[in-house]
Amino acid sequence: MDNRLVKISKFMSFALRHQPEKIGLRLSESGWASVEELIEASGRSGVEFTREELQNIVASNDKKRFSLSEDGLWIRANQGHSVKVELGYAPASPPEILYHGTAERFLTSIKQQGLIKGKRHHVHLSVDVETAAKVGQRHGRPVVLKVEAGRMHRDGFVFYISANGVWLTERAPVQYLVI
């Protein structure tokens, strides 16, 4: 994705996941926003883009952060919200092992608390080491943790899978982590 589209994508993440009100955008209870309203509100905030650019971002984003409704009139972030939304994902049975990418500097805290969701709705887990490593390197020197998701699930923890294949859970206690 070129630099302009990366900038727009980051702005869309900000607007659709964290602070829609900052640009005068309204999200539905399930996180959907009108594409037209997003484009207009973004333009008023100094980030102008076209419907075609938005569609290109949705289609080409390597992490598949966004989804468009079937009619193309609505958009939402697939996960990672810090604002209250109900994405409507049904509980699912995870694979035995999932992975979590983080920065090395967070290991001390993780060894004490496990993985916690912080300001987001869920802890995000990947099905492969490569994806987890990419996530971890955004915050510093990457470390990939193995999460015993199957055992967690059997012990009563609930898992969801987002529209872009990211596994979600409320937390992952230390005893389920291989550090």
Protein backbone atom coordinates (compact mmCIF):
# COMPACT_ATOMS: atom_id res chain seq x y z
CA MET A 1 0.00 0.00 0.00
CA ASP A 2 1.43 3.41 -0.88
CA ASN A 3 2.14 6.05 1.78
CA ARG A 4 -1.04 8.02 1.10
CA LEU A 5 -3.23 4.94 1.55
CA VAL A 6 -1.33 3.96 4.71
CA LYS A 7 -2.04 7.42 6.15
CA ILE A 8 -5.73 7.13 5.26
CA SER A 9 -5.90 3.59 6.69
CA LYS A 10 -4.42 4.75 10.00
CA PHE A 11 -6.90 7.61 10.13
CA MET A 12 -9.76 5.19 9.43
CA SER A 13 -8.54 2.97 12.29
CA PHE A 14 -8.53 5.98 14.60
CA ALA A 15 -12.04 6.97 13.52
CA LEU A 16 -13.64 3.51 13.40
CA ARG A 17 -11.90 1.92 16.40
CA HIS A 18 -11.03 4.61 18.89
CA GLN A 19 -12.47 8.11 18.59
CA PRO A 20 -15.27 8.47 16.04
CA GLU A 21 -16.66 11.43 17.96
CA LYS A 22 -13.43 13.41 17.35
CA ILE A 23 -14.39 13.70 13.69
CA GLY A 24 -18.16 13.88 14.25
CA LEU A 25 -18.80 10.28 13.17
CA ARG A 26 -21.50 8.05 14.64
CA LEU A 27 -21.06 4.27 14.88
CA SER A 28 -23.95 1.86 15.20
CA GLU A 29 -24.05 -0.44 18.23
CA SER A 30 -22.28 -3.04 16.10
CA GLY A 31 -19.56 -0.63 14.96
CA TRP A 32 -20.83 0.23 11.47
CA ALA A 33 -20.51 3.74 10.02
CA SER A 34 -21.90 5.13 6.82
CA VAL A 35 -19.17 5.19 4.15
CA GLU A 36 -20.49 8.55 2.94
CA GLU A 37 -20.41 10.01 6.49
CA LEU A 38 -16.89 8.66 7.08
CA ILE A 39 -15.60 10.26 3.88
CA GLU A 40 -17.32 13.59 4.66
CA ALA A 41 -16.23 13.67 8.34
CA SER A 42 -12.67 12.74 7.40
CA GLY A 43 -12.55 15.52 4.82
CA ARG A 44 -13.75 18.05 7.40
CA SER A 45 -10.90 16.79 9.63
CA GLY A 46 -8.30 17.37 6.92
CA VAL A 47 -7.96 13.80 5.64
CA GLU A 48 -9.60 13.69 2.22
CA PHE A 49 -10.08 10.49 0.26
CA THR A 50 -12.44 9.02 -2.29
CA ARG A 51 -14.77 6.05 -2.12
CA GLU A 52 -12.41 4.26 -4.52
CA GLU A 53 -9.44 4.83 -2.20
CA LEU A 54 -11.49 3.55 0.74
CA GLN A 55 -12.47 0.42 -1.23
CA ASN A 56 -8.82 -0.10 -2.19
CA ILE A 57 -7.77 0.12 1.47
CA VAL A 58 -10.42 -2.40 2.52
CA ALA A 59 -9.43 -4.80 -0.26
CA SER A 60 -5.64 -4.47 0.01
CA ASN A 61 -5.04 -4.07 3.76
CA ASP A 62 -2.79 -7.00 4.68
CA LYS A 63 -4.42 -7.34 8.11
CA LYS A 64 -7.97 -7.02 6.72
CA ARG A 65 -8.76 -4.43 9.39
CA PHE A 66 -12.03 -3.29 7.81
CA SER A 67 -15.19 -4.81 6.36
CA LEU A 68 -17.71 -3.29 3.98
CA SER A 69 -21.37 -4.26 4.05
CA GLU A 70 -22.58 -6.26 1.05
CA ASP A 71 -24.13 -3.14 -0.48
CA GLY A 72 -20.93 -1.14 0.11
CA LEU A 73 -22.73 1.60 2.04
CA TRP A 74 -21.38 0.74 5.51
CA ILE A 75 -17.91 0.11 6.92
CA ARG A 76 -16.53 -1.08 10.24
CA ALA A 77 -13.28 -2.15 11.84
CA ASN A 78 -13.13 -5.91 12.36
CA GLN A 79 -11.65 -5.72 15.87
CA GLY A 80 -9.37 -3.66 18.08
CA HIS A 81 -11.96 -1.17 19.30
CA SER A 82 -11.45 0.89 22.40
CA VAL A 83 -14.98 2.33 22.02
CA LYS A 84 -18.01 0.29 23.05
CA VAL A 85 -19.32 -1.81 20.16
CA GLU A 86 -20.89 -5.24 19.93
CA LEU A 87 -19.40 -6.96 16.90
CA GLY A 88 -21.75 -9.93 17.17
CA TYR A 89 -19.14 -12.66 16.83
CA ALA A 90 -20.33 -16.08 17.95
CA PRO A 91 -18.19 -18.13 20.35
CA ALA A 92 -15.90 -20.54 18.51
CA SER A 93 -13.58 -23.41 19.35
CA PRO A 94 -9.97 -22.30 18.84
CA PRO A 95 -7.06 -24.40 17.62
CA GLU A 96 -4.94 -26.02 20.35
CA ILE A 97 -2.21 -23.39 19.99
CA LEU A 98 -2.47 -19.71 19.09
CA TYR A 99 0.22 -17.03 19.17
CA HIS A 100 0.50 -13.53 20.57
CA GLY A 101 3.03 -11.02 19.34
CA THR A 102 4.28 -8.39 21.73
CA ALA A 103 7.36 -6.31 22.43
CA GLU A 104 10.12 -7.67 24.64
CA ARG A 105 9.70 -4.77 27.08
CA PHE A 106 6.23 -6.04 28.05
CA LEU A 107 7.39 -9.52 29.13
CA THR A 108 7.85 -8.68 32.83
CA SER A 109 4.25 -7.48 33.07
CA ILE A 110 2.94 -10.43 31.05
CA LYS A 111 4.77 -12.90 33.31
CA GLN A 112 2.91 -11.35 36.26
CA GLN A 113 -0.55 -10.67 34.79
CA GLY A 114 -0.81 -12.82 31.69
CA LEU A 115 -2.27 -11.23 28.57
CA ILE A 116 -4.86 -8.59 29.36
CA LYS A 117 -7.03 -6.64 26.96
CA GLY A 118 -6.16 -3.20 28.33
CA LYS A 119 -8.40 -0.56 26.75
CA ARG A 120 -9.52 -2.87 23.96
CA HIS A 121 -12.37 -5.35 24.01
CA HIS A 122 -10.21 -8.46 23.66
CA VAL A 123 -6.73 -9.94 23.59
CA HIS A 124 -5.77 -10.61 19.95
CA LEU A 125 -4.25 -13.95 18.97
CA SER A 126 -2.88 -15.25 15.66
CA VAL A 127 -2.88 -18.70 14.11
CA ASP A 128 0.74 -18.43 12.98
CA VAL A 129 4.08 -17.23 14.33
CA GLU A 130 4.76 -14.93 11.35
CA THR A 131 1.63 -12.83 11.87
CA ALA A 132 2.24 -12.63 15.62
CA ALA A 133 5.83 -11.48 14.99
CA LYS A 134 4.61 -8.71 12.67
CA VAL A 135 2.22 -7.52 15.36
CA GLY A 136 4.95 -7.61 18.01
CA GLN A 137 7.46 -5.61 15.98
CA ARG A 138 5.12 -2.61 15.85
CA HIS A 139 5.92 -1.94 19.50
CA GLY A 140 9.64 -2.76 19.71
CA ARG A 141 11.78 -5.87 19.59
CA PRO A 142 9.24 -8.64 18.90
CA VAL A 143 8.58 -11.67 21.06
CA VAL A 144 6.05 -14.34 20.15
CA LEU A 145 4.23 -16.15 22.93
CA LYS A 146 2.55 -19.51 22.51
CA VAL A 147 -0.97 -19.59 23.98
CA GLU A 148 -2.54 -22.92 24.96
CA ALA A 149 -5.92 -21.88 23.54
CA GLY A 150 -7.38 -25.39 23.38
CA ARG A 151 -6.71 -25.96 27.07
CA MET A 152 -8.08 -22.50 27.91
CA HIS A 153 -11.25 -23.27 25.98
CA ARG A 154 -11.71 -26.61 27.76
CA ASP A 155 -11.25 -24.73 31.05
CA GLY A 156 -14.15 -22.41 30.19
CA PHE A 157 -12.58 -19.44 28.43
CA VAL A 158 -14.60 -18.09 25.53
CA PHE A 159 -13.01 -17.41 22.14
CA TYR A 160 -14.28 -15.59 19.06
CA ILE A 161 -12.88 -15.32 15.57
CA SER A 162 -13.13 -11.96 13.82
CA ALA A 163 -14.01 -11.41 10.18
CA ASN A 164 -10.30 -11.20 9.32
CA GLY A 165 -9.25 -14.39 11.12
CA VAL A 166 -7.92 -12.87 14.36
CA TRP A 167 -8.80 -14.91 17.44
CA LEU A 168 -10.19 -12.92 20.37
CA THR A 169 -10.54 -13.68 24.07
CA GLU A 170 -11.01 -11.62 27.24
CA ARG A 171 -7.62 -12.57 28.72
CA ALA A 172 -4.98 -15.29 28.76
CA PRO A 173 -3.70 -16.09 32.26
CA VAL A 174 -0.01 -16.88 32.75
CA GLN A 175 -0.55 -20.63 33.24
CA TYR A 176 -1.70 -20.89 29.60
CA LEU A 177 1.32 -19.08 28.15
CA VAL A 178 4.58 -20.56 26.95
CA ILE A 179 7.08 -17.72 27.32
